[in-house]
Amino acid sequence: MGLLDASTGDLVTFLKTRTGITALVGATTSARIYPDVAKQGAALPHLVYTVSGGDSYRHLGGDSGLRRTVLQVFAFAATRAGADALAEQVRLSLANFRGLWTDTRVHDCQTAAPPINGYDEAEDASDQAKYWSMYAFDLFHNETAVANGTR
């Protein structure tokens, strides 16, 4: 299990513990939290997360074991208010977090910018229009899983 694996990763597992989020997107294996793109016809509201970056930090002694990852979380809903409310629950859960996400030690998680909002029109009769709100986070975490809680 890795930090950003689709359904069992440490990020998704952590988000499934946040009642403000699970009240909106579901919990356990039915939670509507997807990497990169939502499932075709996914019910609203739902979350989609993307990752970029992944800079490793080094110092004179070698690798520091610390990594910076840019995490973007998109909240989709049928209304602007719904998308904003879900995005705010994500922000409240992630911003300034320090601690463990299952096997990943998070040293810091900071919002990188104010939220960005948008609207996706339905592509055809089988699709639905949806509003979205996205927060970007700078996530500073261990490069490797925590072993026996020691890292």
N, C-alpha and C. Protein backbone atom coordinates (compact mmCIF):
# COMPACT_ATOMS: atom_id res chain seq x y z
N MET A 1 0.85 -1.17 0.00
CA MET A 1 0.00 0.00 0.00
C MET A 1 0.89 1.23 0.00
N GLY A 2 0.63 2.16 -0.91
CA GLY A 2 1.43 3.36 -1.01
C GLY A 2 0.64 4.60 -0.61
N LEU A 3 1.31 5.70 -0.65
CA LEU A 3 0.69 6.96 -0.26
C LEU A 3 -0.52 7.30 -1.12
N LEU A 4 -0.42 7.14 -2.43
CA LEU A 4 -1.46 7.65 -3.32
C LEU A 4 -2.15 6.56 -4.14
N ASP A 5 -2.11 5.31 -3.69
CA ASP A 5 -2.79 4.23 -4.40
C ASP A 5 -4.29 4.51 -4.45
N ALA A 6 -4.94 4.01 -5.49
CA ALA A 6 -6.33 4.35 -5.79
C ALA A 6 -7.30 4.15 -4.64
N SER A 7 -7.46 2.97 -4.14
CA SER A 7 -8.50 2.76 -3.13
C SER A 7 -7.94 2.38 -1.76
N THR A 8 -6.67 1.99 -1.69
CA THR A 8 -6.10 1.55 -0.42
C THR A 8 -4.92 2.40 0.02
N GLY A 9 -4.62 3.45 -0.72
CA GLY A 9 -3.48 4.29 -0.38
C GLY A 9 -3.72 5.09 0.89
N ASP A 10 -2.63 5.59 1.45
CA ASP A 10 -2.70 6.30 2.71
C ASP A 10 -3.55 7.57 2.63
N LEU A 11 -3.49 8.30 1.51
CA LEU A 11 -4.32 9.50 1.36
C LEU A 11 -5.80 9.14 1.37
N VAL A 12 -6.21 8.18 0.56
CA VAL A 12 -7.62 7.79 0.49
C VAL A 12 -8.08 7.23 1.83
N THR A 13 -7.25 6.41 2.44
CA THR A 13 -7.59 5.85 3.76
C THR A 13 -7.80 6.97 4.77
N PHE A 14 -6.93 7.98 4.75
CA PHE A 14 -7.08 9.11 5.65
C PHE A 14 -8.38 9.88 5.37
N LEU A 15 -8.65 10.18 4.12
CA LEU A 15 -9.87 10.93 3.78
C LEU A 15 -11.13 10.17 4.21
N LYS A 16 -11.07 8.85 4.18
CA LYS A 16 -12.22 8.03 4.60
C LYS A 16 -12.45 8.06 6.11
N THR A 17 -11.52 8.66 6.86
CA THR A 17 -11.71 8.80 8.31
C THR A 17 -12.32 10.15 8.68
N ARG A 18 -12.47 11.01 7.73
CA ARG A 18 -12.96 12.37 7.99
C ARG A 18 -14.47 12.42 7.77
N THR A 19 -15.22 12.54 8.85
CA THR A 19 -16.68 12.46 8.76
C THR A 19 -17.29 13.55 7.88
N GLY A 20 -16.68 14.74 7.84
CA GLY A 20 -17.19 15.79 6.97
C GLY A 20 -17.11 15.43 5.51
N ILE A 21 -16.12 14.61 5.15
CA ILE A 21 -15.96 14.15 3.77
C ILE A 21 -16.82 12.93 3.50
N THR A 22 -16.78 11.95 4.40
CA THR A 22 -17.53 10.71 4.15
C THR A 22 -19.04 10.94 4.16
N ALA A 23 -19.49 11.96 4.88
CA ALA A 23 -20.92 12.29 4.86
C ALA A 23 -21.37 12.70 3.46
N LEU A 24 -20.43 13.18 2.65
CA LEU A 24 -20.75 13.67 1.30
C LEU A 24 -20.41 12.67 0.19
N VAL A 25 -19.31 11.93 0.34
CA VAL A 25 -18.88 11.03 -0.75
C VAL A 25 -18.96 9.55 -0.40
N GLY A 26 -19.43 9.22 0.79
CA GLY A 26 -19.51 7.82 1.19
C GLY A 26 -18.25 7.38 1.90
N ALA A 27 -18.31 6.16 2.43
CA ALA A 27 -17.20 5.63 3.21
C ALA A 27 -16.84 4.23 2.73
N THR A 28 -15.86 3.66 3.33
CA THR A 28 -15.35 2.31 3.04
C THR A 28 -15.10 2.15 1.54
N THR A 29 -15.39 0.98 0.99
CA THR A 29 -15.09 0.73 -0.42
C THR A 29 -16.02 1.46 -1.37
N SER A 30 -17.13 1.99 -0.86
CA SER A 30 -18.06 2.71 -1.74
C SER A 30 -17.77 4.20 -1.81
N ALA A 31 -16.72 4.67 -1.14
CA ALA A 31 -16.39 6.10 -1.18
C ALA A 31 -16.06 6.52 -2.61
N ARG A 32 -16.59 7.66 -3.00
CA ARG A 32 -16.38 8.17 -4.35
C ARG A 32 -15.17 9.11 -4.35
N ILE A 33 -13.98 8.49 -4.23
CA ILE A 33 -12.70 9.19 -4.24
C ILE A 33 -11.84 8.49 -5.29
N TYR A 34 -11.42 9.24 -6.32
CA TYR A 34 -10.77 8.62 -7.47
C TYR A 34 -9.44 9.30 -7.80
N PRO A 35 -8.43 8.52 -8.22
CA PRO A 35 -7.19 9.12 -8.71
C PRO A 35 -7.36 9.52 -10.18
N ASP A 36 -6.92 10.70 -10.54
CA ASP A 36 -6.83 11.20 -11.91
C ASP A 36 -8.16 11.50 -12.60
N VAL A 37 -9.10 10.57 -12.60
CA VAL A 37 -10.38 10.78 -13.28
C VAL A 37 -11.44 9.91 -12.60
N ALA A 38 -12.65 10.43 -12.52
CA ALA A 38 -13.74 9.67 -11.89
C ALA A 38 -14.20 8.56 -12.82
N LYS A 39 -14.82 7.54 -12.24
CA LYS A 39 -15.41 6.47 -13.04
C LYS A 39 -16.50 7.05 -13.94
N GLN A 40 -16.70 6.43 -15.08
CA GLN A 40 -17.77 6.84 -15.99
C GLN A 40 -19.10 6.83 -15.25
N GLY A 41 -19.82 7.94 -15.29
CA GLY A 41 -21.12 8.03 -14.64
C GLY A 41 -21.09 8.06 -13.13
N ALA A 42 -19.94 8.39 -12.53
CA ALA A 42 -19.83 8.43 -11.07
C ALA A 42 -20.86 9.38 -10.48
N ALA A 43 -21.50 8.94 -9.41
CA ALA A 43 -22.50 9.76 -8.73
C ALA A 43 -21.84 10.99 -8.12
N LEU A 44 -22.60 12.05 -8.02
CA LEU A 44 -22.14 13.28 -7.38
C LEU A 44 -22.67 13.33 -5.95
N PRO A 45 -21.96 13.95 -5.05
CA PRO A 45 -20.63 14.54 -5.21
C PRO A 45 -19.54 13.47 -5.15
N HIS A 46 -18.36 13.83 -5.66
CA HIS A 46 -17.21 12.95 -5.56
C HIS A 46 -15.92 13.77 -5.60
N LEU A 47 -14.82 13.11 -5.23
CA LEU A 47 -13.49 13.73 -5.24
C LEU A 47 -12.62 13.06 -6.28
N VAL A 48 -11.76 13.84 -6.91
CA VAL A 48 -10.72 13.34 -7.81
C VAL A 48 -9.43 14.01 -7.36
N TYR A 49 -8.36 13.22 -7.21
CA TYR A 49 -7.08 13.80 -6.83
C TYR A 49 -6.02 13.51 -7.88
N THR A 50 -5.12 14.45 -8.07
CA THR A 50 -3.99 14.29 -8.98
C THR A 50 -2.72 14.67 -8.23
N VAL A 51 -1.61 14.18 -8.72
CA VAL A 51 -0.33 14.38 -8.06
C VAL A 51 0.70 14.82 -9.10
N SER A 52 1.52 15.77 -8.71
CA SER A 52 2.66 16.15 -9.55
C SER A 52 3.82 16.48 -8.63
N GLY A 53 4.96 16.71 -9.23
CA GLY A 53 6.14 17.01 -8.42
C GLY A 53 6.75 15.74 -7.88
N GLY A 54 7.10 15.75 -6.66
CA GLY A 54 7.77 14.61 -6.06
C GLY A 54 9.24 14.88 -5.86
N ASP A 55 9.58 16.11 -5.49
CA ASP A 55 10.97 16.48 -5.27
C ASP A 55 11.49 15.83 -3.99
N SER A 56 12.67 15.22 -4.09
CA SER A 56 13.34 14.68 -2.90
C SER A 56 14.31 15.73 -2.37
N TYR A 57 14.40 15.82 -1.06
CA TYR A 57 15.31 16.78 -0.46
C TYR A 57 16.59 16.08 -0.01
N ARG A 58 17.72 16.70 -0.39
CA ARG A 58 19.03 16.18 -0.01
C ARG A 58 19.75 17.23 0.83
N HIS A 59 20.69 16.76 1.62
CA HIS A 59 21.58 17.65 2.35
C HIS A 59 22.98 17.10 2.25
N LEU A 60 23.94 17.71 2.89
CA LEU A 60 25.33 17.29 2.74
C LEU A 60 25.56 15.84 3.15
N GLY A 61 24.75 15.33 4.04
CA GLY A 61 24.90 13.95 4.50
C GLY A 61 24.21 12.94 3.58
N GLY A 62 23.54 13.40 2.53
CA GLY A 62 22.85 12.50 1.61
C GLY A 62 21.36 12.77 1.58
N ASP A 63 20.60 11.74 1.26
CA ASP A 63 19.15 11.89 1.19
C ASP A 63 18.58 12.21 2.57
N SER A 64 17.61 13.13 2.61
CA SER A 64 16.98 13.49 3.88
C SER A 64 15.83 12.56 4.22
N GLY A 65 15.31 11.86 3.21
CA GLY A 65 14.14 11.01 3.42
C GLY A 65 12.84 11.78 3.31
N LEU A 66 12.94 13.09 3.02
CA LEU A 66 11.76 13.95 2.90
C LEU A 66 11.46 14.20 1.43
N ARG A 67 10.18 14.20 1.11
CA ARG A 67 9.73 14.41 -0.26
C ARG A 67 8.62 15.46 -0.27
N ARG A 68 8.62 16.31 -1.30
CA ARG A 68 7.55 17.28 -1.50
C ARG A 68 6.74 16.84 -2.71
N THR A 69 5.44 16.68 -2.49
CA THR A 69 4.52 16.29 -3.55
C THR A 69 3.44 17.36 -3.65
N VAL A 70 3.09 17.74 -4.88
CA VAL A 70 1.98 18.67 -5.08
C VAL A 70 0.72 17.83 -5.31
N LEU A 71 -0.25 18.02 -4.45
CA LEU A 71 -1.49 17.27 -4.47
C LEU A 71 -2.62 18.22 -4.83
N GLN A 72 -3.40 17.87 -5.85
CA GLN A 72 -4.58 18.65 -6.21
C GLN A 72 -5.81 17.80 -5.96
N VAL A 73 -6.78 18.36 -5.25
CA VAL A 73 -8.01 17.64 -4.95
C VAL A 73 -9.18 18.44 -5.52
N PHE A 74 -9.91 17.81 -6.45
CA PHE A 74 -11.07 18.41 -7.09
C PHE A 74 -12.34 17.86 -6.45
N ALA A 75 -13.21 18.76 -6.02
CA ALA A 75 -14.51 18.38 -5.46
C ALA A 75 -15.56 18.65 -6.53
N PHE A 76 -16.30 17.62 -6.94
CA PHE A 76 -17.34 17.74 -7.96
C PHE A 76 -18.71 17.59 -7.30
N ALA A 77 -19.67 18.41 -7.73
CA ALA A 77 -21.03 18.32 -7.22
C ALA A 77 -22.00 18.88 -8.26
N ALA A 78 -23.27 18.69 -8.01
CA ALA A 78 -24.31 19.16 -8.93
C ALA A 78 -24.53 20.67 -8.85
N THR A 79 -24.07 21.30 -7.76
CA THR A 79 -24.24 22.75 -7.58
C THR A 79 -22.92 23.38 -7.17
N ARG A 80 -22.79 24.68 -7.39
CA ARG A 80 -21.59 25.41 -6.94
C ARG A 80 -21.45 25.30 -5.43
N ALA A 81 -22.55 25.48 -4.71
CA ALA A 81 -22.49 25.40 -3.25
C ALA A 81 -22.05 24.01 -2.79
N GLY A 82 -22.49 22.97 -3.45
CA GLY A 82 -22.10 21.61 -3.10
C GLY A 82 -20.62 21.36 -3.33
N ALA A 83 -20.10 21.83 -4.46
CA ALA A 83 -18.68 21.66 -4.76
C ALA A 83 -17.83 22.44 -3.76
N ASP A 84 -18.25 23.67 -3.46
CA ASP A 84 -17.50 24.48 -2.50
C ASP A 84 -17.52 23.87 -1.10
N ALA A 85 -18.66 23.33 -0.69
CA ALA A 85 -18.77 22.72 0.65
C ALA A 85 -17.88 21.49 0.77
N LEU A 86 -17.84 20.67 -0.26
CA LEU A 86 -16.97 19.48 -0.23
C LEU A 86 -15.51 19.89 -0.25
N ALA A 87 -15.15 20.86 -1.09
CA ALA A 87 -13.77 21.34 -1.13
C ALA A 87 -13.34 21.90 0.21
N GLU A 88 -14.24 22.59 0.89
CA GLU A 88 -13.92 23.15 2.21
C GLU A 88 -13.67 22.03 3.22
N GLN A 89 -14.40 20.94 3.15
CA GLN A 89 -14.15 19.80 4.04
C GLN A 89 -12.77 19.20 3.78
N VAL A 90 -12.37 19.15 2.51
CA VAL A 90 -11.02 18.66 2.17
C VAL A 90 -9.98 19.61 2.75
N ARG A 91 -10.17 20.91 2.57
CA ARG A 91 -9.22 21.88 3.09
C ARG A 91 -9.09 21.77 4.61
N LEU A 92 -10.22 21.66 5.29
CA LEU A 92 -10.19 21.54 6.75
C LEU A 92 -9.47 20.27 7.19
N SER A 93 -9.56 19.21 6.41
CA SER A 93 -8.93 17.93 6.76
C SER A 93 -7.44 17.91 6.48
N LEU A 94 -7.00 18.58 5.40
CA LEU A 94 -5.61 18.47 4.97
C LEU A 94 -4.73 19.64 5.38
N ALA A 95 -5.25 20.86 5.35
CA ALA A 95 -4.41 22.04 5.60
C ALA A 95 -3.82 21.99 7.00
N ASN A 96 -2.53 22.21 7.06
CA ASN A 96 -1.76 22.25 8.31
C ASN A 96 -1.69 20.90 9.03
N PHE A 97 -2.04 19.82 8.34
CA PHE A 97 -1.98 18.50 8.97
C PHE A 97 -0.52 18.08 9.17
N ARG A 98 -0.26 17.51 10.33
CA ARG A 98 1.03 16.88 10.63
C ARG A 98 0.72 15.62 11.41
N GLY A 99 1.28 14.51 10.98
CA GLY A 99 1.04 13.25 11.68
C GLY A 99 1.11 12.08 10.71
N LEU A 100 0.47 10.99 11.09
CA LEU A 100 0.51 9.77 10.28
C LEU A 100 -0.75 9.62 9.43
N TRP A 101 -0.54 9.25 8.18
CA TRP A 101 -1.61 8.75 7.31
C TRP A 101 -1.27 7.27 7.13
N THR A 102 -1.76 6.43 7.97
CA THR A 102 -1.48 5.00 7.97
C THR A 102 0.03 4.78 8.03
N ASP A 103 0.70 4.53 6.89
CA ASP A 103 2.14 4.23 6.88
C ASP A 103 2.99 5.42 6.43
N THR A 104 2.39 6.57 6.22
CA THR A 104 3.14 7.74 5.73
C THR A 104 3.18 8.82 6.80
N ARG A 105 4.38 9.25 7.15
CA ARG A 105 4.54 10.37 8.06
C ARG A 105 4.43 11.65 7.25
N VAL A 106 3.41 12.45 7.55
CA VAL A 106 3.21 13.75 6.91
C VAL A 106 3.84 14.79 7.83
N HIS A 107 4.86 15.47 7.31
CA HIS A 107 5.54 16.50 8.09
C HIS A 107 4.79 17.82 8.03
N ASP A 108 4.13 18.07 6.91
CA ASP A 108 3.33 19.29 6.76
C ASP A 108 2.51 19.19 5.48
N CYS A 109 1.34 19.79 5.51
CA CYS A 109 0.47 19.86 4.34
C CYS A 109 -0.12 21.26 4.31
N GLN A 110 0.25 22.03 3.32
CA GLN A 110 -0.15 23.43 3.23
C GLN A 110 -0.93 23.70 1.94
N THR A 111 -1.95 24.55 2.05
CA THR A 111 -2.64 24.96 0.82
C THR A 111 -1.65 25.80 0.02
N ALA A 112 -1.59 25.51 -1.28
CA ALA A 112 -0.63 26.18 -2.15
C ALA A 112 -1.20 27.46 -2.77
N ALA A 113 -2.53 27.57 -2.81
CA ALA A 113 -3.18 28.73 -3.43
C ALA A 113 -4.65 28.72 -3.07
N PRO A 114 -5.34 29.83 -3.30
CA PRO A 114 -6.79 29.84 -3.07
C PRO A 114 -7.47 28.82 -4.00
N PRO A 115 -8.69 28.43 -3.69
CA PRO A 115 -9.37 27.45 -4.54
C PRO A 115 -9.63 27.99 -5.94
N ILE A 116 -9.66 27.08 -6.89
CA ILE A 116 -10.02 27.39 -8.27
C ILE A 116 -11.34 26.69 -8.54
N ASN A 117 -12.26 27.39 -9.20
CA ASN A 117 -13.59 26.84 -9.45
C ASN A 117 -13.87 26.73 -10.94
N GLY A 118 -14.76 25.81 -11.29
CA GLY A 118 -15.14 25.66 -12.69
C GLY A 118 -16.45 24.93 -12.84
N TYR A 119 -16.83 24.75 -14.10
CA TYR A 119 -18.08 24.09 -14.45
C TYR A 119 -17.83 23.26 -15.69
N ASP A 120 -18.22 22.00 -15.64
CA ASP A 120 -18.10 21.10 -16.81
C ASP A 120 -19.49 20.82 -17.35
N GLU A 121 -19.73 21.19 -18.60
CA GLU A 121 -21.03 20.91 -19.22
C GLU A 121 -21.14 19.42 -19.54
N ALA A 122 -22.38 18.94 -19.62
CA ALA A 122 -22.61 17.55 -20.01
C ALA A 122 -22.15 17.37 -21.45
N GLU A 123 -21.46 16.26 -21.71
CA GLU A 123 -20.96 15.99 -23.06
C GLU A 123 -22.02 15.39 -23.96
N ASP A 124 -22.92 14.62 -23.38
CA ASP A 124 -24.01 14.00 -24.16
C ASP A 124 -25.14 13.65 -23.20
N ALA A 125 -26.14 12.98 -23.69
CA ALA A 125 -27.32 12.67 -22.87
C ALA A 125 -27.00 11.73 -21.71
N SER A 126 -25.92 10.96 -21.81
CA SER A 126 -25.57 10.03 -20.73
C SER A 126 -24.71 10.70 -19.66
N ASP A 127 -24.27 11.92 -19.92
CA ASP A 127 -23.39 12.63 -18.99
C ASP A 127 -24.21 13.63 -18.19
N GLN A 128 -23.60 14.19 -17.16
CA GLN A 128 -24.26 15.22 -16.37
C GLN A 128 -23.34 16.42 -16.21
N ALA A 129 -23.94 17.59 -16.17
CA ALA A 129 -23.16 18.80 -15.91
C ALA A 129 -22.74 18.78 -14.44
N LYS A 130 -21.59 19.39 -14.16
CA LYS A 130 -21.13 19.40 -12.77
C LYS A 130 -20.25 20.62 -12.51
N TYR A 131 -20.33 21.08 -11.28
CA TYR A 131 -19.47 22.14 -10.79
C TYR A 131 -18.28 21.50 -10.08
N TRP A 132 -17.16 22.21 -10.07
CA TRP A 132 -16.01 21.70 -9.34
C TRP A 132 -15.28 22.85 -8.64
N SER A 133 -14.61 22.48 -7.58
CA SER A 133 -13.76 23.39 -6.83
C SER A 133 -12.49 22.61 -6.47
N MET A 134 -11.32 23.23 -6.69
CA MET A 134 -10.06 22.51 -6.49
C MET A 134 -9.13 23.27 -5.56
N TYR A 135 -8.55 22.53 -4.63
CA TYR A 135 -7.47 23.05 -3.79
C TYR A 135 -6.19 22.31 -4.16
N ALA A 136 -5.08 23.05 -4.19
CA ALA A 136 -3.76 22.45 -4.36
C ALA A 136 -3.04 22.52 -3.01
N PHE A 137 -2.32 21.46 -2.71
CA PHE A 137 -1.60 21.35 -1.45
C PHE A 137 -0.14 21.01 -1.71
N ASP A 138 0.76 21.59 -0.93
CA ASP A 138 2.15 21.15 -0.87
C ASP A 138 2.22 20.16 0.28
N LEU A 139 2.54 18.93 -0.06
CA LEU A 139 2.56 17.84 0.91
C LEU A 139 4.01 17.42 1.14
N PHE A 140 4.48 17.56 2.36
CA PHE A 140 5.84 17.17 2.73
C PHE A 140 5.74 15.89 3.56
N HIS A 141 6.36 14.81 3.06
CA HIS A 141 6.18 13.50 3.69
C HIS A 141 7.44 12.66 3.56
N ASN A 142 7.51 11.58 4.35
CA ASN A 142 8.61 10.64 4.23
C ASN A 142 8.55 9.96 2.88
N GLU A 143 9.72 9.67 2.32
CA GLU A 143 9.77 8.96 1.04
C GLU A 143 9.39 7.49 1.20
N THR A 144 9.65 6.94 2.35
CA THR A 144 9.35 5.53 2.58
C THR A 144 8.34 5.41 3.70
N ALA A 145 7.70 4.26 3.75
CA ALA A 145 6.71 4.00 4.80
C ALA A 145 7.37 4.02 6.16
N VAL A 146 6.62 4.39 7.15
CA VAL A 146 7.09 4.40 8.53
C VAL A 146 7.21 2.94 8.99
N ALA A 147 8.37 2.59 9.51
CA ALA A 147 8.59 1.23 10.00
C ALA A 147 8.42 1.22 11.52
N ASN A 148 7.42 0.49 11.98
CA ASN A 148 7.19 0.35 13.42
C ASN A 148 7.06 1.70 14.13
N GLY A 149 6.56 2.71 13.42
CA GLY A 149 6.37 4.03 14.00
C GLY A 149 7.65 4.77 14.32
N THR A 150 8.78 4.36 13.75
CA THR A 150 10.06 4.96 14.11
C THR A 150 10.50 6.08 13.19
N ARG A 151 9.94 6.24 12.00
CA ARG A 151 10.40 7.30 11.10
C ARG A 151 9.47 8.45 11.05
